[in-house]
Amino acid sequence: MVKETIDLDKELAQAQHESQESLKVLTQHGFVVDTAKWLTIKHYAEKYGVSQQVVVNWIGRGVVPPDCTLVVPELNNIRLVKDQPFK
């Protein structure tokens, strides 16, 4: 078994940097997102205790209404979901 040591401070700093860069790109194109109200599919699934596939299925079936999702072309078409429970 291979044990890998992860420098959490380094990983967190990298994630924060990437997040700031993403927000910079969005604001340069006039797009403002309140990141406290929107989550990636992965983070939504983690927060609400469902799988990412369930969230994608909900979006496809309309359980998550179209006005509760965003696709951000400037970030490789990342899809965001409004931070609220759906079922």
Protein backbone atom coordinates (compact mmCIF):
# COMPACT_ATOMS: atom_id res chain seq x y z
CA MET A 1 0.00 0.00 0.00
CA VAL A 2 1.32 3.43 -0.97
CA LYS A 3 0.80 6.24 1.48
CA GLU A 4 0.75 9.72 0.02
CA THR A 5 1.25 12.77 2.18
CA ILE A 6 -0.94 15.71 1.26
CA ASP A 7 -0.06 19.24 2.23
CA LEU A 8 -3.51 20.54 3.12
CA ASP A 9 -2.39 24.15 3.44
CA LYS A 10 -0.90 24.01 -0.03
CA GLU A 11 -4.01 22.35 -1.49
CA LEU A 12 -6.29 24.92 0.18
CA ALA A 13 -4.17 27.81 -1.07
CA GLN A 14 -4.29 26.37 -4.61
CA ALA A 15 -8.08 25.96 -4.44
CA GLN A 16 -8.53 29.51 -3.17
CA HIS A 17 -6.29 30.85 -5.93
CA GLU A 18 -8.23 28.97 -8.61
CA SER A 19 -11.52 30.20 -7.16
CA GLN A 20 -10.31 33.81 -7.19
CA GLU A 21 -9.09 33.46 -10.78
CA SER A 22 -12.45 32.00 -11.83
CA LEU A 23 -14.32 34.87 -10.22
CA LYS A 24 -11.99 37.33 -11.93
CA VAL A 25 -12.82 35.84 -15.35
CA LEU A 26 -16.54 36.01 -14.62
CA THR A 27 -16.52 39.62 -13.47
CA GLN A 28 -14.40 40.67 -16.45
CA HIS A 29 -17.22 39.40 -18.66
CA GLY A 30 -19.89 41.18 -16.63
CA PHE A 31 -21.14 38.02 -14.96
CA VAL A 32 -21.56 38.19 -11.20
CA VAL A 33 -22.45 35.13 -9.14
CA ASP A 34 -23.06 35.16 -5.42
CA THR A 35 -21.02 32.06 -4.64
CA ALA A 36 -22.79 31.72 -1.31
CA LYS A 37 -25.98 30.85 -3.21
CA TRP A 38 -24.61 28.52 -5.91
CA LEU A 39 -22.75 25.20 -5.68
CA THR A 40 -21.06 22.91 -8.14
CA ILE A 41 -22.85 19.62 -8.67
CA LYS A 42 -20.17 17.88 -6.61
CA HIS A 43 -20.51 20.27 -3.68
CA TYR A 44 -24.31 20.20 -3.87
CA ALA A 45 -24.28 16.38 -3.74
CA GLU A 46 -21.92 16.39 -0.76
CA LYS A 47 -23.92 19.01 1.15
CA TYR A 48 -27.30 17.34 0.63
CA GLY A 49 -26.13 13.72 0.91
CA VAL A 50 -26.95 12.51 -2.59
CA SER A 51 -24.77 11.30 -5.43
CA GLN A 52 -23.64 13.57 -8.26
CA GLN A 53 -25.59 11.34 -10.67
CA VAL A 54 -28.80 11.97 -8.70
CA VAL A 55 -28.29 15.73 -9.03
CA VAL A 56 -27.65 15.41 -12.77
CA ASN A 57 -30.79 13.25 -13.10
CA TRP A 58 -32.84 15.81 -11.16
CA ILE A 59 -31.65 18.53 -13.51
CA GLY A 60 -32.51 16.42 -16.56
CA ARG A 61 -35.97 15.50 -15.25
CA GLY A 62 -36.83 19.05 -14.18
CA VAL A 63 -36.80 18.36 -10.42
CA VAL A 64 -34.26 21.18 -10.32
CA PRO A 65 -35.94 23.97 -12.31
CA PRO A 66 -33.97 25.63 -15.13
CA ASP A 67 -33.78 28.92 -13.22
CA CYS A 68 -31.96 27.07 -10.42
CA THR A 69 -29.03 26.03 -12.60
CA LEU A 70 -26.31 28.02 -14.32
CA VAL A 71 -23.85 27.00 -17.00
CA VAL A 72 -20.70 29.11 -17.08
CA PRO A 73 -19.09 28.91 -20.55
CA GLU A 74 -16.00 30.82 -19.41
CA LEU A 75 -15.24 28.00 -16.97
CA ASN A 76 -15.47 25.06 -19.39
CA ASN A 77 -19.27 25.01 -19.13
CA ILE A 78 -19.26 24.22 -15.43
CA ARG A 79 -22.80 23.76 -14.14
CA LEU A 80 -23.86 25.37 -10.87
CA VAL A 81 -26.93 24.51 -8.81
CA LYS A 82 -28.75 26.90 -6.50
CA ASP A 83 -28.02 26.07 -2.87
CA GLN A 84 -31.45 24.91 -1.77
CA PRO A 85 -33.00 21.48 -1.21
CA PHE A 86 -34.82 19.81 -4.12
CA LYS A 87 -36.80 16.55 -4.17
